[in-house]
Amino acid sequence: MEQTMDAARFEQLGQFLRARRERLTPEALGFPNDGRRRTPGLRRSEVAMLAGVSVDWYTWLEQGRNIQVSAQVLDSIARALQLDGSERKHLYLLAMRQLPADVLQTERTEVSETLQHVLDRLEYSPAIVTDARWNVVGWNLAACVVVGDYRVMPEQERNMVWRAFTSPYLRQLLRGKWEEHAKMRLAQFRASYGTYAGDPWWEEFIAQLSVESTHFREWWARHEVLPVSEGNKQYFHPEAGELTLEHITFQVSDAPGLQVMVNTPIGQTEEKIKWLVENLKGAVHSL
């Protein structure tokens, strides 16, 4: 099944490259139009020359063969074919099934008014928004009363990986599930790191957390990776007691660097979270 999907993806990549090659005008790029061109636009050899790759390699790519590509080469091809931002993203997704690192770094990281409205309407389902670095950049009151008050939390502590290894409150909340949670979060962080290896922020963060946590330092060396998944979780809240939730994560369509994590209460958990939220609102109104 996966091989079939990969074959279809590479075929689409080849068709996309041909379409973009054929729309270019040879004269505009300094190539003579001698009247002997069988198809409009540039020849494969001309694209290869502009991109600094071999004709054979570019031909294989356009034929949809399964060959290794790098971000550097894809950017050279994007420049040669004069792709715009959306086309460059499409090229990366077809060739590597991921967006360019610089695109993710410059994607919108603030929570829009519409997205915040969605978070607030979830009301008793703890929900947060994280950026590509696993920083929490958006939340609702239910998240604040369950996992920690992001409204007053120092910026560094809003990072989900940092909190997983340094927050005494989170350890209390998870009890015997803490180690499983921390390893899962680290493995997800490691999977994200693959796109940003060598980036100064990531390298400094890893170095700092390695000093702060011996667990992180030991487990980071294992190179385990995991995708973000859905499932159930259990918390032991100091005021509300045992909370059971099911969680799911999805990307924001117009900001791929943002992930929305929603925790839906199961059974009596909703009433407990409602009590916590209403108490927090009451405390705010009494000020």
C-alpha atoms as a PDB file:
ATOM      1  CA  MET A   1       0.000   0.000   0.000  1.00  0.00           C
ATOM      2  CA  GLU A   2       2.750   2.450   1.028  1.00  0.00           C
ATOM      3  CA  GLN A   3       4.786   1.604  -2.072  1.00  0.00           C
ATOM      4  CA  THR A   4       1.737   2.283  -4.227  1.00  0.00           C
ATOM      5  CA  MET A   5       1.216   5.651  -2.536  1.00  0.00           C
ATOM      6  CA  ASP A   6       4.891   6.541  -2.945  1.00  0.00           C
ATOM      7  CA  ALA A   7       4.729   5.625  -6.637  1.00  0.00           C
ATOM      8  CA  ALA A   8       1.696   7.875  -7.087  1.00  0.00           C
ATOM      9  CA  ARG A   9       3.439  10.709  -5.219  1.00  0.00           C
ATOM     10  CA  PHE A  10       6.572  10.465  -7.359  1.00  0.00           C
ATOM     11  CA  GLU A  11       4.447  10.352 -10.498  1.00  0.00           C
ATOM     12  CA  GLN A  12       2.721  13.551  -9.385  1.00  0.00           C
ATOM     13  CA  LEU A  13       6.121  15.089  -8.672  1.00  0.00           C
ATOM     14  CA  GLY A  14       7.271  14.328 -12.211  1.00  0.00           C
ATOM     15  CA  GLN A  15       4.107  15.783 -13.722  1.00  0.00           C
ATOM     16  CA  PHE A  16       4.431  18.905 -11.579  1.00  0.00           C
ATOM     17  CA  LEU A  17       8.052  19.454 -12.624  1.00  0.00           C
ATOM     18  CA  ARG A  18       7.202  18.995 -16.304  1.00  0.00           C
ATOM     19  CA  ALA A  19       4.294  21.442 -16.084  1.00  0.00           C
ATOM     20  CA  ARG A  20       6.455  24.067 -14.418  1.00  0.00           C
ATOM     21  CA  ARG A  21       9.300  23.510 -16.878  1.00  0.00           C
ATOM     22  CA  GLU A  22       7.016  23.862 -19.871  1.00  0.00           C
ATOM     23  CA  ARG A  23       5.576  27.190 -18.750  1.00  0.00           C
ATOM     24  CA  LEU A  24       8.975  28.942 -18.812  1.00  0.00           C
ATOM     25  CA  THR A  25      10.154  30.946 -21.818  1.00  0.00           C
ATOM     26  CA  PRO A  26      13.645  29.878 -22.989  1.00  0.00           C
ATOM     27  CA  GLU A  27      14.572  33.341 -24.290  1.00  0.00           C
ATOM     28  CA  ALA A  28      13.763  34.956 -20.944  1.00  0.00           C
ATOM     29  CA  LEU A  29      16.314  32.683 -19.277  1.00  0.00           C
ATOM     30  CA  GLY A  30      19.031  33.169 -21.878  1.00  0.00           C
ATOM     31  CA  PHE A  31      18.448  30.046 -23.974  1.00  0.00           C
ATOM     32  CA  PRO A  32      17.961  30.269 -27.766  1.00  0.00           C
ATOM     33  CA  ASN A  33      14.608  29.249 -29.191  1.00  0.00           C
ATOM     34  CA  ASP A  34      15.845  27.558 -32.362  1.00  0.00           C
ATOM     35  CA  GLY A  35      12.441  26.255 -33.445  1.00  0.00           C
ATOM     36  CA  ARG A  36      13.421  22.644 -32.879  1.00  0.00           C
ATOM     37  CA  ARG A  37      11.818  22.224 -29.479  1.00  0.00           C
ATOM     38  CA  ARG A  38       9.292  19.393 -29.390  1.00  0.00           C
ATOM     39  CA  THR A  39       7.531  20.827 -26.343  1.00  0.00           C
ATOM     40  CA  PRO A  40       7.099  24.361 -25.066  1.00  0.00           C
ATOM     41  CA  GLY A  41       9.299  25.744 -22.333  1.00  0.00           C
ATOM     42  CA  LEU A  42      12.746  24.632 -21.207  1.00  0.00           C
ATOM     43  CA  ARG A  43      14.485  21.371 -21.981  1.00  0.00           C
ATOM     44  CA  ARG A  44      15.389  19.048 -19.112  1.00  0.00           C
ATOM     45  CA  SER A  45      19.054  19.732 -19.790  1.00  0.00           C
ATOM     46  CA  GLU A  46      18.455  23.463 -19.385  1.00  0.00           C
ATOM     47  CA  VAL A  47      16.690  23.024 -16.043  1.00  0.00           C
ATOM     48  CA  ALA A  48      19.515  20.736 -14.900  1.00  0.00           C
ATOM     49  CA  MET A  49      22.053  23.388 -15.896  1.00  0.00           C
ATOM     50  CA  LEU A  50      20.216  26.131 -14.021  1.00  0.00           C
ATOM     51  CA  ALA A  51      19.816  23.932 -10.942  1.00  0.00           C
ATOM     52  CA  GLY A  52      23.396  22.668 -10.956  1.00  0.00           C
ATOM     53  CA  VAL A  53      22.485  18.974 -11.163  1.00  0.00           C
ATOM     54  CA  SER A  54      23.219  16.315 -13.756  1.00  0.00           C
ATOM     55  CA  VAL A  55      20.843  15.849 -16.681  1.00  0.00           C
ATOM     56  CA  ASP A  56      20.425  12.170 -15.858  1.00  0.00           C
ATOM     57  CA  TRP A  57      19.519  12.896 -12.222  1.00  0.00           C
ATOM     58  CA  TYR A  58      16.958  15.541 -13.148  1.00  0.00           C
ATOM     59  CA  THR A  59      15.510  13.262 -15.835  1.00  0.00           C
ATOM     60  CA  TRP A  60      15.042  10.470 -13.283  1.00  0.00           C
ATOM     61  CA  LEU A  61      13.330  12.906 -10.925  1.00  0.00           C
ATOM     62  CA  GLU A  62      10.952  14.057 -13.640  1.00  0.00           C
ATOM     63  CA  GLN A  63      10.272  10.464 -14.617  1.00  0.00           C
ATOM     64  CA  GLY A  64       9.001   9.855 -11.101  1.00  0.00           C
ATOM     65  CA  ARG A  65      11.760   7.502 -10.015  1.00  0.00           C
ATOM     66  CA  ASN A  66      12.336   6.925  -6.306  1.00  0.00           C
ATOM     67  CA  ILE A  67      15.658   8.725  -5.851  1.00  0.00           C
ATOM     68  CA  GLN A  68      17.198  10.541  -2.909  1.00  0.00           C
ATOM     69  CA  VAL A  69      16.727  14.306  -2.801  1.00  0.00           C
ATOM     70  CA  SER A  70      18.025  16.940  -0.415  1.00  0.00           C
ATOM     71  CA  ALA A  71      16.598  20.276   0.660  1.00  0.00           C
ATOM     72  CA  GLN A  72      19.524  22.061  -1.006  1.00  0.00           C
ATOM     73  CA  VAL A  73      18.838  20.423  -4.373  1.00  0.00           C
ATOM     74  CA  LEU A  74      15.099  21.022  -4.122  1.00  0.00           C
ATOM     75  CA  ASP A  75      15.749  24.709  -3.494  1.00  0.00           C
ATOM     76  CA  SER A  76      18.029  24.830  -6.544  1.00  0.00           C
ATOM     77  CA  ILE A  77      15.277  23.285  -8.664  1.00  0.00           C
ATOM     78  CA  ALA A  78      12.703  25.670  -7.198  1.00  0.00           C
ATOM     79  CA  ARG A  79      14.867  28.628  -8.206  1.00  0.00           C
ATOM     80  CA  ALA A  80      15.530  27.201 -11.660  1.00  0.00           C
ATOM     81  CA  LEU A  81      11.810  26.716 -12.269  1.00  0.00           C
ATOM     82  CA  GLN A  82      10.964  30.088 -10.687  1.00  0.00           C
ATOM     83  CA  LEU A  83       8.498  28.539  -8.238  1.00  0.00           C
ATOM     84  CA  ASP A  84       6.556  30.817  -5.928  1.00  0.00           C
ATOM     85  CA  GLY A  85       6.095  30.107  -2.217  1.00  0.00           C
ATOM     86  CA  SER A  86       3.086  27.823  -2.576  1.00  0.00           C
ATOM     87  CA  GLU A  87       4.696  25.894  -5.423  1.00  0.00           C
ATOM     88  CA  ARG A  88       7.897  25.438  -3.410  1.00  0.00           C
ATOM     89  CA  LYS A  89       5.897  23.991  -0.501  1.00  0.00           C
ATOM     90  CA  HIS A  90       4.144  21.641  -2.939  1.00  0.00           C
ATOM     91  CA  LEU A  91       7.509  20.546  -4.357  1.00  0.00           C
ATOM     92  CA  TYR A  92       8.802  19.679  -0.877  1.00  0.00           C
ATOM     93  CA  LEU A  93       5.683  17.770   0.082  1.00  0.00           C
ATOM     94  CA  LEU A  94       5.782  15.697  -3.104  1.00  0.00           C
ATOM     95  CA  ALA A  95       9.523  15.030  -2.921  1.00  0.00           C
ATOM     96  CA  MET A  96      10.070  14.698   0.850  1.00  0.00           C
ATOM     97  CA  ARG A  97       6.592  14.670   2.452  1.00  0.00           C
ATOM     98  CA  GLN A  98       7.531  17.666   4.600  1.00  0.00           C
ATOM     99  CA  LEU A  99       7.597  21.443   4.383  1.00  0.00           C
ATOM    100  CA  PRO A 100      10.869  23.386   4.111  1.00  0.00           C
ATOM    101  CA  ALA A 101      12.383  24.167   7.518  1.00  0.00           C
ATOM    102  CA  ASP A 102      12.474  27.895   6.835  1.00  0.00           C
ATOM    103  CA  VAL A 103       8.768  27.853   5.987  1.00  0.00           C
ATOM    104  CA  LEU A 104       7.882  26.253   9.312  1.00  0.00           C
ATOM    105  CA  GLN A 105      10.080  28.750  11.138  1.00  0.00           C
ATOM    106  CA  THR A 106       8.365  31.708   9.517  1.00  0.00           C
ATOM    107  CA  GLU A 107       4.812  30.352   9.592  1.00  0.00           C
ATOM    108  CA  ARG A 108       2.310  32.167  11.756  1.00  0.00           C
ATOM    109  CA  THR A 109       2.827  31.232  15.402  1.00  0.00           C
ATOM    110  CA  GLU A 110       0.242  33.450  17.061  1.00  0.00           C
ATOM    111  CA  VAL A 111      -3.254  32.216  17.793  1.00  0.00           C
ATOM    112  CA  SER A 112      -5.822  34.001  15.651  1.00  0.00           C
ATOM    113  CA  GLU A 113      -8.981  35.482  17.126  1.00  0.00           C
ATOM    114  CA  THR A 114     -11.023  32.787  15.375  1.00  0.00           C
ATOM    115  CA  LEU A 115      -8.898  29.967  16.763  1.00  0.00           C
ATOM    116  CA  GLN A 116      -9.047  31.430  20.276  1.00  0.00           C
ATOM    117  CA  HIS A 117     -12.812  31.568  19.940  1.00  0.00           C
ATOM    118  CA  VAL A 118     -12.821  27.844  19.136  1.00  0.00           C
ATOM    119  CA  LEU A 119     -10.649  27.109  22.189  1.00  0.00           C
ATOM    120  CA  ASP A 120     -12.943  29.116  24.441  1.00  0.00           C
ATOM    121  CA  ARG A 121     -16.079  27.429  23.080  1.00  0.00           C
ATOM    122  CA  LEU A 122     -14.640  24.032  24.035  1.00  0.00           C
ATOM    123  CA  GLU A 123     -15.109  25.379  27.587  1.00  0.00           C
ATOM    124  CA  TYR A 124     -14.680  22.216  29.707  1.00  0.00           C
ATOM    125  CA  SER A 125     -12.333  20.370  27.339  1.00  0.00           C
ATOM    126  CA  PRO A 126      -8.735  21.384  28.113  1.00  0.00           C
ATOM    127  CA  ALA A 127      -7.232  22.614  24.840  1.00  0.00           C
ATOM    128  CA  ILE A 128      -3.877  24.148  23.956  1.00  0.00           C
ATOM    129  CA  VAL A 129      -2.058  25.270  20.821  1.00  0.00           C
ATOM    130  CA  THR A 130       1.656  24.595  20.363  1.00  0.00           C
ATOM    131  CA  ASP A 131       4.128  25.891  17.806  1.00  0.00           C
ATOM    132  CA  ALA A 132       6.766  23.834  15.974  1.00  0.00           C
ATOM    133  CA  ARG A 133       9.082  24.096  18.997  1.00  0.00           C
ATOM    134  CA  TRP A 134       6.423  22.664  21.343  1.00  0.00           C
ATOM    135  CA  ASN A 135       5.868  26.037  22.997  1.00  0.00           C
ATOM    136  CA  VAL A 136       2.299  26.534  24.229  1.00  0.00           C
ATOM    137  CA  VAL A 137       1.066  29.667  22.447  1.00  0.00           C
ATOM    138  CA  GLY A 138      -2.690  29.343  23.060  1.00  0.00           C
ATOM    139  CA  TRP A 139      -5.002  27.794  25.651  1.00  0.00           C
ATOM    140  CA  ASN A 140      -8.427  27.868  27.250  1.00  0.00           C
ATOM    141  CA  LEU A 141      -9.397  28.128  30.933  1.00  0.00           C
ATOM    142  CA  ALA A 142      -9.988  24.378  31.186  1.00  0.00           C
ATOM    143  CA  ALA A 143      -6.332  23.782  30.286  1.00  0.00           C
ATOM    144  CA  CYS A 144      -5.244  26.313  32.904  1.00  0.00           C
ATOM    145  CA  VAL A 145      -7.181  24.674  35.744  1.00  0.00           C
ATOM    146  CA  VAL A 146      -6.071  21.163  34.846  1.00  0.00           C
ATOM    147  CA  VAL A 147      -2.459  21.190  33.619  1.00  0.00           C
ATOM    148  CA  GLY A 148      -1.221  24.594  34.827  1.00  0.00           C
ATOM    149  CA  ASP A 149      -2.055  28.277  34.565  1.00  0.00           C
ATOM    150  CA  TYR A 150      -0.421  29.330  31.306  1.00  0.00           C
ATOM    151  CA  ARG A 151      -1.594  32.908  31.894  1.00  0.00           C
ATOM    152  CA  VAL A 152       1.028  33.447  34.618  1.00  0.00           C
ATOM    153  CA  MET A 153       3.542  30.758  33.692  1.00  0.00           C
ATOM    154  CA  PRO A 154       7.094  31.906  32.739  1.00  0.00           C
ATOM    155  CA  GLU A 155       7.701  31.617  29.002  1.00  0.00           C
ATOM    156  CA  GLN A 156      10.262  28.810  29.227  1.00  0.00           C
ATOM    157  CA  GLU A 157       7.922  26.719  31.362  1.00  0.00           C
ATOM    158  CA  ARG A 158       5.255  26.965  28.662  1.00  0.00           C
ATOM    159  CA  ASN A 159       7.319  24.585  26.559  1.00  0.00           C
ATOM    160  CA  MET A 160       5.703  21.148  26.815  1.00  0.00           C
ATOM    161  CA  VAL A 161       8.979  19.244  26.701  1.00  0.00           C
ATOM    162  CA  TRP A 162      10.621  21.489  29.301  1.00  0.00           C
ATOM    163  CA  ARG A 163       7.617  21.082  31.627  1.00  0.00           C
ATOM    164  CA  ALA A 164       7.518  17.322  31.121  1.00  0.00           C
ATOM    165  CA  PHE A 165      10.977  17.040  32.688  1.00  0.00           C
ATOM    166  CA  THR A 166      11.090  19.939  35.170  1.00  0.00           C
ATOM    167  CA  SER A 167       7.569  20.529  36.553  1.00  0.00           C
ATOM    168  CA  PRO A 168       6.857  19.017  39.996  1.00  0.00           C
ATOM    169  CA  TYR A 169       3.157  19.765  39.463  1.00  0.00           C
ATOM    170  CA  LEU A 170       3.071  17.729  36.260  1.00  0.00           C
ATOM    171  CA  ARG A 171       4.732  14.793  38.038  1.00  0.00           C
ATOM    172  CA  GLN A 172       2.075  15.005  40.740  1.00  0.00           C
ATOM    173  CA  LEU A 173      -0.647  15.164  38.084  1.00  0.00           C
ATOM    174  CA  LEU A 174       0.649  12.059  36.292  1.00  0.00           C
ATOM    175  CA  ARG A 175       1.875  10.011  39.271  1.00  0.00           C
ATOM    176  CA  GLY A 176       3.008   6.591  38.047  1.00  0.00           C
ATOM    177  CA  LYS A 177       2.397   7.588  34.415  1.00  0.00           C
ATOM    178  CA  TRP A 178       5.028  10.356  34.493  1.00  0.00           C
ATOM    179  CA  GLU A 179       7.902   8.360  32.985  1.00  0.00           C
ATOM    180  CA  GLU A 180       5.726   7.037  30.160  1.00  0.00           C
ATOM    181  CA  HIS A 181       4.505  10.581  29.434  1.00  0.00           C
ATOM    182  CA  ALA A 182       7.990  12.126  29.526  1.00  0.00           C
ATOM    183  CA  LYS A 183       9.421   9.490  27.184  1.00  0.00           C
ATOM    184  CA  MET A 184       6.501   9.949  24.786  1.00  0.00           C
ATOM    185  CA  ARG A 185       6.888  13.738  24.755  1.00  0.00           C
ATOM    186  CA  LEU A 186      10.651  13.462  24.217  1.00  0.00           C
ATOM    187  CA  ALA A 187      10.186  11.022  21.322  1.00  0.00           C
ATOM    188  CA  GLN A 188       7.689  13.406  19.702  1.00  0.00           C
ATOM    189  CA  PHE A 189      10.129  16.273  20.208  1.00  0.00           C
ATOM    190  CA  ARG A 190      12.894  14.162  18.635  1.00  0.00           C
ATOM    191  CA  ALA A 191      10.675  13.555  15.591  1.00  0.00           C
ATOM    192  CA  SER A 192      10.141  17.314  15.225  1.00  0.00           C
ATOM    193  CA  TYR A 193      13.864  17.946  15.704  1.00  0.00           C
ATOM    194  CA  GLY A 194      14.654  16.052  12.500  1.00  0.00           C
ATOM    195  CA  THR A 195      13.435  19.052  10.506  1.00  0.00           C
ATOM    196  CA  TYR A 196      15.523  21.525  12.514  1.00  0.00           C
ATOM    197  CA  ALA A 197      18.756  19.666  13.331  1.00  0.00           C
ATOM    198  CA  GLY A 198      21.539  22.232  13.667  1.00  0.00           C
ATOM    199  CA  ASP A 199      19.176  25.152  14.279  1.00  0.00           C
ATOM    200  CA  PRO A 200      20.620  27.308  17.126  1.00  0.00           C
ATOM    201  CA  TRP A 201      17.397  27.471  19.147  1.00  0.00           C
ATOM    202  CA  TRP A 202      16.938  23.696  19.141  1.00  0.00           C
ATOM    203  CA  GLU A 203      20.580  22.966  19.950  1.00  0.00           C
ATOM    204  CA  GLU A 204      20.588  25.447  22.864  1.00  0.00           C
ATOM    205  CA  PHE A 205      17.285  24.106  24.202  1.00  0.00           C
ATOM    206  CA  ILE A 206      18.549  20.512  24.120  1.00  0.00           C
ATOM    207  CA  ALA A 207      21.801  21.528  25.830  1.00  0.00           C
ATOM    208  CA  GLN A 208      19.971  23.425  28.591  1.00  0.00           C
ATOM    209  CA  LEU A 209      17.446  20.680  29.274  1.00  0.00           C
ATOM    210  CA  SER A 210      20.241  18.091  29.310  1.00  0.00           C
ATOM    211  CA  VAL A 211      21.768  20.037  32.194  1.00  0.00           C
ATOM    212  CA  GLU A 212      18.418  20.460  33.975  1.00  0.00           C
ATOM    213  CA  SER A 213      17.317  16.826  33.697  1.00  0.00           C
ATOM    214  CA  THR A 214      19.404  13.670  33.852  1.00  0.00           C
ATOM    215  CA  HIS A 215      16.386  11.746  32.562  1.00  0.00           C
ATOM    216  CA  PHE A 216      16.212  13.915  29.467  1.00  0.00           C
ATOM    217  CA  ARG A 217      19.976  13.614  28.882  1.00  0.00           C
ATOM    218  CA  GLU A 218      19.866   9.818  29.187  1.00  0.00           C
ATOM    219  CA  TRP A 219      16.730   9.267  27.078  1.00  0.00           C
ATOM    220  CA  TRP A 220      17.696  11.807  24.385  1.00  0.00           C
ATOM    221  CA  ALA A 221      20.704   9.640  23.540  1.00  0.00           C
ATOM    222  CA  ARG A 222      18.398   6.747  22.615  1.00  0.00           C
ATOM    223  CA  HIS A 223      17.119   8.518  19.457  1.00  0.00           C
ATOM    224  CA  GLU A 224      13.562   7.255  19.855  1.00  0.00           C
ATOM    225  CA  VAL A 225      10.904   8.940  17.706  1.00  0.00           C
ATOM    226  CA  LEU A 226       7.108   8.921  17.813  1.00  0.00           C
ATOM    227  CA  PRO A 227       4.348  10.724  15.943  1.00  0.00           C
ATOM    228  CA  VAL A 228       1.766  12.761  17.797  1.00  0.00           C
ATOM    229  CA  SER A 229      -1.106  10.347  18.384  1.00  0.00           C
ATOM    230  CA  GLU A 230      -4.554  10.220  19.916  1.00  0.00           C
ATOM    231  CA  GLY A 231      -5.649   8.177  22.907  1.00  0.00           C
ATOM    232  CA  ASN A 232      -6.647   8.348  26.577  1.00  0.00           C
ATOM    233  CA  LYS A 233      -4.869   9.913  29.551  1.00  0.00           C
ATOM    234  CA  GLN A 234      -5.402   9.993  33.278  1.00  0.00           C
ATOM    235  CA  TYR A 235      -4.571  12.830  35.669  1.00  0.00           C
ATOM    236  CA  PHE A 236      -4.729  13.038  39.462  1.00  0.00           C
ATOM    237  CA  HIS A 237      -5.707  16.632  40.136  1.00  0.00           C
ATOM    238  CA  PRO A 238      -4.937  17.974  43.654  1.00  0.00           C
ATOM    239  CA  GLU A 239      -8.448  19.480  44.010  1.00  0.00           C
ATOM    240  CA  ALA A 240     -10.701  17.552  41.622  1.00  0.00           C
ATOM    241  CA  GLY A 241      -9.189  14.103  42.028  1.00  0.00           C
ATOM    242  CA  GLU A 242      -8.979  11.583  39.192  1.00  0.00           C
ATOM    243  CA  LEU A 243      -9.607  12.947  35.694  1.00  0.00           C
ATOM    244  CA  THR A 244      -9.959  10.779  32.580  1.00  0.00           C
ATOM    245  CA  LEU A 245      -9.712  12.347  29.134  1.00  0.00           C
ATOM    246  CA  GLU A 246      -9.282  11.323  25.536  1.00  0.00           C
ATOM    247  CA  HIS A 247      -6.960  13.464  23.472  1.00  0.00           C
ATOM    248  CA  ILE A 248      -6.507  14.277  19.811  1.00  0.00           C
ATOM    249  CA  THR A 249      -4.136  16.613  17.960  1.00  0.00           C
ATOM    250  CA  PHE A 250      -4.549  18.336  14.600  1.00  0.00           C
ATOM    251  CA  GLN A 251      -2.787  21.014  12.570  1.00  0.00           C
ATOM    252  CA  VAL A 252      -4.112  24.470  11.770  1.00  0.00           C
ATOM    253  CA  SER A 253      -4.631  24.480   8.007  1.00  0.00           C
ATOM    254  CA  ASP A 254      -3.318  27.990   7.332  1.00  0.00           C
ATOM    255  CA  ALA A 255      -0.451  27.677   9.836  1.00  0.00           C
ATOM    256  CA  PRO A 256       1.094  24.175   9.596  1.00  0.00           C
ATOM    257  CA  GLY A 257       3.522  24.970  12.401  1.00  0.00           C
ATOM    258  CA  LEU A 258       0.649  25.152  14.884  1.00  0.00           C
ATOM    259  CA  GLN A 259      -0.898  22.084  16.523  1.00  0.00           C
ATOM    260  CA  VAL A 260      -4.160  22.082  18.457  1.00  0.00           C
ATOM    261  CA  MET A 261      -4.392  19.519  21.259  1.00  0.00           C
ATOM    262  CA  VAL A 262      -7.890  18.869  22.586  1.00  0.00           C
ATOM    263  CA  ASN A 263      -8.614  16.763  25.670  1.00  0.00           C
ATOM    264  CA  THR A 264     -12.229  15.632  25.878  1.00  0.00           C
ATOM    265  CA  PRO A 265     -13.435  14.667  29.383  1.00  0.00           C
ATOM    266  CA  ILE A 266     -14.885  11.197  29.867  1.00  0.00           C
ATOM    267  CA  GLY A 267     -17.672  10.390  32.321  1.00  0.00           C
ATOM    268  CA  GLN A 268     -17.712  12.468  35.513  1.00  0.00           C
ATOM    269  CA  THR A 269     -14.536  14.281  34.517  1.00  0.00           C
ATOM    270  CA  GLU A 270     -16.528  16.978  32.703  1.00  0.00           C
ATOM    271  CA  GLU A 271     -18.398  17.945  35.882  1.00  0.00           C
ATOM    272  CA  LYS A 272     -15.125  18.094  37.797  1.00  0.00           C
ATOM    273  CA  ILE A 273     -13.495  20.348  35.213  1.00  0.00           C
ATOM    274  CA  LYS A 274     -16.629  22.496  35.076  1.00  0.00           C
ATOM    275  CA  TRP A 275     -16.359  22.977  38.849  1.00  0.00           C
ATOM    276  CA  LEU A 276     -12.689  23.980  38.534  1.00  0.00           C
ATOM    277  CA  VAL A 277     -13.382  26.422  35.702  1.00  0.00           C
ATOM    278  CA  GLU A 278     -16.346  28.048  37.420  1.00  0.00           C
ATOM    279  CA  ASN A 279     -14.319  28.437  40.632  1.00  0.00           C
ATOM    280  CA  LEU A 280     -11.549  30.154  38.651  1.00  0.00           C
ATOM    281  CA  LYS A 281     -14.040  32.483  36.991  1.00  0.00           C
ATOM    282  CA  GLY A 282     -15.559  33.275  40.392  1.00  0.00           C
ATOM    283  CA  ALA A 283     -12.144  34.066  41.845  1.00  0.00           C
ATOM    284  CA  VAL A 284     -11.410  36.438  38.950  1.00  0.00           C
ATOM    285  CA  HIS A 285     -14.763  38.214  39.286  1.00  0.00           C
ATOM    286  CA  SER A 286     -14.249  38.713  43.035  1.00  0.00           C
ATOM    287  CA  LEU A 287     -11.000  40.636  42.531  1.00  0.00           C
END
